[in-house]
Amino acid sequence: QVQLVESGGGLVQAGGSLRLSCVASGGTFSTYGMGWFRQAPGKEREYLASISRKGDSAYYAEVVKGRFTTSRDNAKNTVYLQMDSLKPEDTAVYYCAARRPSAAIITSPGSYNSWGQGTQVTVSS
């Protein structure tokens, strides 16, 4: 299984931007579709975005569409989440995840078998 480490979280004012990075090791990164999720206190883990193995297709949850962009650099074993126009309700721990090759439902956490440790994003009003 691939190991994942996120970075780039922090405190930002509403309307600001952050860029999260997720570096993979221990596996062939380019063979994994990747996803981004977040979890706020007392809430379930929420799907945000996913990107195909080659990076030529990306999908977004409605709640972040038009504000968040995911991309990847397979040469660097890294996937990114650019977050713009941040809102206080975006405050959560953000996770990247590697999807099981056989999984078809990209929005389900159960389709992903490797997770990073998470990075905290806090948006102040």
N, C-alpha and C. Protein backbone atom coordinates (compact mmCIF):
# COMPACT_ATOMS: atom_id res chain seq x y z
N GLN A 1 0.83 -1.19 0.00
CA GLN A 1 0.00 0.00 0.00
C GLN A 1 0.87 1.25 0.00
N VAL A 2 0.38 2.26 -0.63
CA VAL A 2 1.12 3.51 -0.68
C VAL A 2 0.92 4.26 0.64
N GLN A 3 1.94 4.98 1.06
CA GLN A 3 1.85 5.82 2.25
C GLN A 3 1.70 7.27 1.80
N LEU A 4 0.87 8.02 2.52
CA LEU A 4 0.53 9.39 2.12
C LEU A 4 0.79 10.36 3.26
N VAL A 5 1.34 11.52 2.92
CA VAL A 5 1.59 12.56 3.91
C VAL A 5 1.09 13.89 3.35
N GLU A 6 0.13 14.51 4.06
CA GLU A 6 -0.40 15.80 3.64
C GLU A 6 0.37 16.93 4.32
N SER A 7 0.34 18.09 3.68
CA SER A 7 0.89 19.30 4.26
C SER A 7 0.18 20.49 3.63
N GLY A 8 0.40 21.67 4.24
CA GLY A 8 -0.14 22.89 3.66
C GLY A 8 -1.34 23.47 4.37
N GLY A 9 -1.83 22.78 5.39
CA GLY A 9 -2.95 23.34 6.14
C GLY A 9 -2.52 24.52 6.98
N GLY A 10 -3.50 25.19 7.59
CA GLY A 10 -3.20 26.32 8.44
C GLY A 10 -4.41 27.17 8.70
N LEU A 11 -4.15 28.37 9.20
CA LEU A 11 -5.21 29.34 9.51
C LEU A 11 -5.24 30.40 8.42
N VAL A 12 -6.43 30.67 7.91
CA VAL A 12 -6.58 31.66 6.85
C VAL A 12 -7.90 32.40 7.07
N GLN A 13 -7.94 33.63 6.63
CA GLN A 13 -9.17 34.41 6.72
C GLN A 13 -10.13 34.02 5.62
N ALA A 14 -11.39 34.24 5.87
CA ALA A 14 -12.42 33.98 4.86
C ALA A 14 -12.08 34.75 3.58
N GLY A 15 -12.26 34.06 2.46
CA GLY A 15 -11.91 34.64 1.17
C GLY A 15 -10.50 34.33 0.72
N GLY A 16 -9.69 33.80 1.63
CA GLY A 16 -8.31 33.49 1.31
C GLY A 16 -8.14 32.15 0.62
N SER A 17 -6.87 31.78 0.42
CA SER A 17 -6.54 30.55 -0.30
C SER A 17 -5.50 29.75 0.47
N LEU A 18 -5.53 28.46 0.23
CA LEU A 18 -4.50 27.55 0.71
C LEU A 18 -4.28 26.48 -0.36
N ARG A 19 -3.08 25.93 -0.37
CA ARG A 19 -2.77 24.82 -1.27
C ARG A 19 -2.26 23.65 -0.46
N LEU A 20 -3.00 22.57 -0.49
CA LEU A 20 -2.59 21.36 0.20
C LEU A 20 -1.78 20.47 -0.75
N SER A 21 -0.81 19.80 -0.19
CA SER A 21 -0.01 18.83 -0.94
C SER A 21 -0.11 17.48 -0.25
N CYS A 22 0.01 16.44 -1.04
CA CYS A 22 -0.03 15.08 -0.50
C CYS A 22 1.04 14.29 -1.26
N VAL A 23 2.06 13.87 -0.53
CA VAL A 23 3.17 13.14 -1.13
C VAL A 23 3.03 11.66 -0.84
N ALA A 24 3.19 10.86 -1.88
CA ALA A 24 3.05 9.41 -1.76
C ALA A 24 4.41 8.72 -1.79
N SER A 25 4.49 7.60 -1.08
CA SER A 25 5.70 6.79 -1.09
C SER A 25 5.33 5.33 -0.89
N GLY A 26 6.22 4.45 -1.31
CA GLY A 26 6.02 3.04 -1.06
C GLY A 26 5.14 2.34 -2.06
N GLY A 27 4.80 2.98 -3.14
CA GLY A 27 3.97 2.34 -4.15
C GLY A 27 4.15 3.05 -5.47
N THR A 28 3.47 2.55 -6.49
CA THR A 28 3.53 3.20 -7.80
C THR A 28 2.41 4.21 -7.88
N PHE A 29 2.74 5.46 -7.61
CA PHE A 29 1.74 6.52 -7.45
C PHE A 29 0.84 6.64 -8.67
N SER A 30 1.41 6.51 -9.84
CA SER A 30 0.65 6.74 -11.07
C SER A 30 -0.42 5.68 -11.33
N THR A 31 -0.45 4.62 -10.55
CA THR A 31 -1.47 3.59 -10.71
C THR A 31 -2.69 3.83 -9.83
N TYR A 32 -2.65 4.89 -9.03
CA TYR A 32 -3.74 5.17 -8.09
C TYR A 32 -4.55 6.39 -8.52
N GLY A 33 -5.88 6.22 -8.59
CA GLY A 33 -6.73 7.39 -8.57
C GLY A 33 -6.67 7.97 -7.16
N MET A 34 -6.75 9.28 -7.05
CA MET A 34 -6.60 9.93 -5.74
C MET A 34 -7.84 10.73 -5.39
N GLY A 35 -8.09 10.85 -4.11
CA GLY A 35 -9.24 11.62 -3.66
C GLY A 35 -8.89 12.53 -2.49
N TRP A 36 -9.73 13.52 -2.29
CA TRP A 36 -9.62 14.44 -1.15
C TRP A 36 -10.93 14.40 -0.37
N PHE A 37 -10.80 14.35 0.94
CA PHE A 37 -11.94 14.35 1.84
C PHE A 37 -11.65 15.33 2.97
N ARG A 38 -12.67 15.63 3.72
CA ARG A 38 -12.48 16.42 4.94
C ARG A 38 -13.44 15.94 6.01
N GLN A 39 -13.09 16.23 7.24
CA GLN A 39 -13.95 15.85 8.35
C GLN A 39 -13.92 16.95 9.40
N ALA A 40 -15.09 17.50 9.67
CA ALA A 40 -15.25 18.49 10.72
C ALA A 40 -15.68 17.80 12.00
N PRO A 41 -15.44 18.41 13.15
CA PRO A 41 -15.83 17.79 14.43
C PRO A 41 -17.31 17.44 14.45
N GLY A 42 -17.60 16.20 14.83
CA GLY A 42 -18.98 15.76 14.95
C GLY A 42 -19.65 15.44 13.64
N LYS A 43 -18.92 15.49 12.54
CA LYS A 43 -19.51 15.21 11.23
C LYS A 43 -18.82 14.03 10.57
N GLU A 44 -19.50 13.46 9.58
CA GLU A 44 -18.92 12.36 8.82
C GLU A 44 -17.87 12.88 7.84
N ARG A 45 -17.00 11.96 7.44
CA ARG A 45 -16.01 12.32 6.44
C ARG A 45 -16.71 12.63 5.12
N GLU A 46 -16.32 13.74 4.52
CA GLU A 46 -17.01 14.29 3.36
C GLU A 46 -16.12 14.28 2.12
N TYR A 47 -16.65 13.74 1.04
CA TYR A 47 -15.92 13.73 -0.23
C TYR A 47 -15.83 15.14 -0.80
N LEU A 48 -14.66 15.49 -1.33
CA LEU A 48 -14.46 16.80 -1.93
C LEU A 48 -14.13 16.72 -3.42
N ALA A 49 -13.15 15.89 -3.76
CA ALA A 49 -12.66 15.87 -5.12
C ALA A 49 -11.89 14.59 -5.37
N SER A 50 -11.75 14.26 -6.64
CA SER A 50 -10.91 13.13 -7.01
C SER A 50 -10.29 13.41 -8.37
N ILE A 51 -9.20 12.70 -8.64
CA ILE A 51 -8.48 12.89 -9.89
C ILE A 51 -8.03 11.53 -10.39
N SER A 52 -8.04 11.38 -11.71
CA SER A 52 -7.69 10.11 -12.33
C SER A 52 -6.20 9.84 -12.23
N ARG A 53 -5.80 8.63 -12.59
CA ARG A 53 -4.39 8.23 -12.46
C ARG A 53 -3.46 9.10 -13.30
N LYS A 54 -3.90 9.47 -14.48
CA LYS A 54 -3.07 10.31 -15.34
C LYS A 54 -3.26 11.80 -15.07
N GLY A 55 -4.28 12.14 -14.30
CA GLY A 55 -4.56 13.53 -14.03
C GLY A 55 -5.36 14.22 -15.11
N ASP A 56 -5.95 13.43 -16.02
CA ASP A 56 -6.68 14.05 -17.13
C ASP A 56 -8.17 14.19 -16.85
N SER A 57 -8.61 13.69 -15.71
CA SER A 57 -10.01 13.84 -15.31
C SER A 57 -10.08 14.18 -13.83
N ALA A 58 -10.93 15.11 -13.48
CA ALA A 58 -11.13 15.49 -12.07
C ALA A 58 -12.61 15.69 -11.83
N TYR A 59 -13.03 15.38 -10.61
CA TYR A 59 -14.44 15.48 -10.24
C TYR A 59 -14.53 16.17 -8.89
N TYR A 60 -15.61 16.90 -8.70
CA TYR A 60 -15.75 17.71 -7.50
C TYR A 60 -17.15 17.58 -6.90
N ALA A 61 -17.19 17.65 -5.58
CA ALA A 61 -18.47 17.76 -4.90
C ALA A 61 -19.03 19.16 -5.15
N GLU A 62 -20.33 19.27 -5.16
CA GLU A 62 -20.96 20.56 -5.43
C GLU A 62 -20.52 21.62 -4.43
N VAL A 63 -20.28 21.23 -3.21
CA VAL A 63 -19.96 22.19 -2.16
C VAL A 63 -18.62 22.91 -2.42
N VAL A 64 -17.76 22.33 -3.25
CA VAL A 64 -16.46 22.96 -3.52
C VAL A 64 -16.24 23.28 -5.00
N LYS A 65 -17.17 22.87 -5.83
CA LYS A 65 -17.00 23.09 -7.28
C LYS A 65 -16.87 24.58 -7.58
N GLY A 66 -15.87 24.93 -8.36
CA GLY A 66 -15.62 26.31 -8.70
C GLY A 66 -14.70 27.03 -7.73
N ARG A 67 -14.44 26.42 -6.57
CA ARG A 67 -13.55 27.04 -5.57
C ARG A 67 -12.29 26.21 -5.35
N PHE A 68 -12.39 24.90 -5.44
CA PHE A 68 -11.27 24.00 -5.21
C PHE A 68 -10.86 23.36 -6.54
N THR A 69 -9.55 23.13 -6.67
CA THR A 69 -9.02 22.46 -7.86
C THR A 69 -7.99 21.43 -7.43
N THR A 70 -8.12 20.22 -7.93
CA THR A 70 -7.13 19.19 -7.64
C THR A 70 -6.29 18.93 -8.88
N SER A 71 -5.03 18.64 -8.65
CA SER A 71 -4.11 18.32 -9.74
C SER A 71 -3.07 17.34 -9.19
N ARG A 72 -2.27 16.81 -10.08
CA ARG A 72 -1.24 15.87 -9.63
C ARG A 72 -0.01 15.99 -10.51
N ASP A 73 1.13 15.61 -9.92
CA ASP A 73 2.39 15.54 -10.64
C ASP A 73 2.97 14.16 -10.36
N ASN A 74 2.79 13.26 -11.29
CA ASN A 74 3.22 11.88 -11.06
C ASN A 74 4.74 11.76 -10.97
N ALA A 75 5.46 12.68 -11.58
CA ALA A 75 6.92 12.66 -11.48
C ALA A 75 7.38 12.98 -10.06
N LYS A 76 6.54 13.71 -9.33
CA LYS A 76 6.85 14.07 -7.94
C LYS A 76 6.06 13.28 -6.92
N ASN A 77 5.26 12.32 -7.40
CA ASN A 77 4.43 11.50 -6.51
C ASN A 77 3.56 12.37 -5.60
N THR A 78 3.01 13.42 -6.17
CA THR A 78 2.29 14.40 -5.37
C THR A 78 0.95 14.76 -6.00
N VAL A 79 -0.05 14.89 -5.14
CA VAL A 79 -1.35 15.40 -5.56
C VAL A 79 -1.61 16.67 -4.76
N TYR A 80 -2.30 17.61 -5.39
CA TYR A 80 -2.53 18.92 -4.79
C TYR A 80 -4.01 19.23 -4.70
N LEU A 81 -4.35 20.08 -3.73
CA LEU A 81 -5.70 20.63 -3.66
C LEU A 81 -5.55 22.13 -3.44
N GLN A 82 -5.85 22.89 -4.49
CA GLN A 82 -5.85 24.35 -4.41
C GLN A 82 -7.23 24.79 -3.93
N MET A 83 -7.26 25.53 -2.85
CA MET A 83 -8.52 25.95 -2.25
C MET A 83 -8.59 27.47 -2.26
N ASP A 84 -9.53 28.01 -2.98
CA ASP A 84 -9.74 29.45 -3.09
C ASP A 84 -11.10 29.84 -2.52
N SER A 85 -11.27 31.12 -2.27
CA SER A 85 -12.53 31.64 -1.74
C SER A 85 -13.00 30.83 -0.54
N LEU A 86 -12.09 30.62 0.38
CA LEU A 86 -12.41 29.79 1.53
C LEU A 86 -13.44 30.44 2.43
N LYS A 87 -14.26 29.59 3.05
CA LYS A 87 -15.33 30.02 3.93
C LYS A 87 -15.14 29.40 5.31
N PRO A 88 -15.68 30.00 6.33
CA PRO A 88 -15.56 29.41 7.68
C PRO A 88 -16.07 27.97 7.73
N GLU A 89 -17.07 27.65 6.94
CA GLU A 89 -17.59 26.28 6.95
C GLU A 89 -16.66 25.28 6.27
N ASP A 90 -15.58 25.75 5.69
CA ASP A 90 -14.56 24.84 5.14
C ASP A 90 -13.61 24.35 6.23
N THR A 91 -13.75 24.86 7.43
CA THR A 91 -12.88 24.45 8.53
C THR A 91 -13.06 22.97 8.82
N ALA A 92 -11.96 22.22 8.78
CA ALA A 92 -12.00 20.76 8.96
C ALA A 92 -10.57 20.22 8.90
N VAL A 93 -10.45 18.93 9.17
CA VAL A 93 -9.22 18.21 8.88
C VAL A 93 -9.35 17.65 7.46
N TYR A 94 -8.35 17.89 6.64
CA TYR A 94 -8.38 17.48 5.24
C TYR A 94 -7.46 16.28 5.03
N TYR A 95 -7.98 15.32 4.27
CA TYR A 95 -7.25 14.08 4.02
C TYR A 95 -7.13 13.82 2.52
N CYS A 96 -5.99 13.29 2.13
CA CYS A 96 -5.90 12.70 0.80
C CYS A 96 -5.97 11.19 0.95
N ALA A 97 -6.35 10.52 -0.14
CA ALA A 97 -6.53 9.08 -0.07
C ALA A 97 -6.28 8.47 -1.45
N ALA A 98 -5.78 7.24 -1.45
CA ALA A 98 -5.54 6.50 -2.68
C ALA A 98 -6.66 5.47 -2.86
N ARG A 99 -7.23 5.46 -4.05
CA ARG A 99 -8.39 4.60 -4.31
C ARG A 99 -7.98 3.22 -4.75
N ARG A 100 -8.70 2.23 -4.25
CA ARG A 100 -8.49 0.85 -4.68
C ARG A 100 -8.77 0.72 -6.17
N PRO A 101 -7.94 0.02 -6.90
CA PRO A 101 -8.12 -0.07 -8.36
C PRO A 101 -9.50 -0.58 -8.77
N SER A 102 -10.09 -1.46 -7.96
CA SER A 102 -11.37 -2.06 -8.34
C SER A 102 -12.56 -1.23 -7.90
N ALA A 103 -12.32 -0.16 -7.15
CA ALA A 103 -13.42 0.62 -6.60
C ALA A 103 -14.04 1.51 -7.68
N ALA A 104 -15.36 1.52 -7.74
CA ALA A 104 -16.04 2.29 -8.77
C ALA A 104 -16.68 3.57 -8.24
N ILE A 105 -16.98 3.61 -6.95
CA ILE A 105 -17.67 4.77 -6.38
C ILE A 105 -16.64 5.72 -5.82
N ILE A 106 -16.31 6.75 -6.56
CA ILE A 106 -15.21 7.63 -6.20
C ILE A 106 -15.54 8.51 -5.01
N THR A 107 -16.83 8.66 -4.68
CA THR A 107 -17.23 9.55 -3.60
C THR A 107 -17.28 8.85 -2.24
N SER A 108 -17.12 7.55 -2.21
CA SER A 108 -17.24 6.79 -0.97
C SER A 108 -15.89 6.59 -0.30
N PRO A 109 -15.77 6.93 0.99
CA PRO A 109 -14.50 6.65 1.69
C PRO A 109 -14.11 5.18 1.64
N GLY A 110 -15.06 4.29 1.56
CA GLY A 110 -14.78 2.87 1.50
C GLY A 110 -14.06 2.43 0.24
N SER A 111 -14.03 3.29 -0.76
CA SER A 111 -13.33 2.97 -2.00
C SER A 111 -11.84 3.23 -1.92
N TYR A 112 -11.41 3.81 -0.82
CA TYR A 112 -10.01 4.22 -0.65
C TYR A 112 -9.36 3.39 0.44
N ASN A 113 -8.18 2.89 0.18
CA ASN A 113 -7.55 1.99 1.15
C ASN A 113 -6.25 2.53 1.74
N SER A 114 -5.85 3.73 1.33
CA SER A 114 -4.69 4.37 1.95
C SER A 114 -5.05 5.81 2.22
N TRP A 115 -4.75 6.26 3.45
CA TRP A 115 -5.12 7.61 3.87
C TRP A 115 -3.91 8.30 4.49
N GLY A 116 -3.84 9.60 4.28
CA GLY A 116 -2.85 10.39 4.98
C GLY A 116 -3.29 10.65 6.42
N GLN A 117 -2.45 11.34 7.16
CA GLN A 117 -2.72 11.60 8.58
C GLN A 117 -3.66 12.79 8.77
N GLY A 118 -3.87 13.56 7.72
CA GLY A 118 -4.73 14.73 7.79
C GLY A 118 -3.97 15.99 8.10
N THR A 119 -4.50 17.10 7.62
CA THR A 119 -3.94 18.42 7.91
C THR A 119 -5.10 19.37 8.23
N GLN A 120 -4.93 20.13 9.28
CA GLN A 120 -6.00 21.01 9.76
C GLN A 120 -6.07 22.28 8.92
N VAL A 121 -7.27 22.61 8.50
CA VAL A 121 -7.55 23.88 7.82
C VAL A 121 -8.58 24.63 8.66
N THR A 122 -8.23 25.85 9.04
CA THR A 122 -9.13 26.68 9.84
C THR A 122 -9.34 28.00 9.12
N VAL A 123 -10.60 28.32 8.87
CA VAL A 123 -10.95 29.55 8.16
C VAL A 123 -11.68 30.46 9.14
N SER A 124 -11.11 31.62 9.39
CA SER A 124 -11.71 32.56 10.32
C SER A 124 -12.60 33.54 9.57
N SER A 125 -13.64 33.99 10.26
CA SER A 125 -14.59 34.93 9.62
C SER A 125 -14.19 36.37 9.85
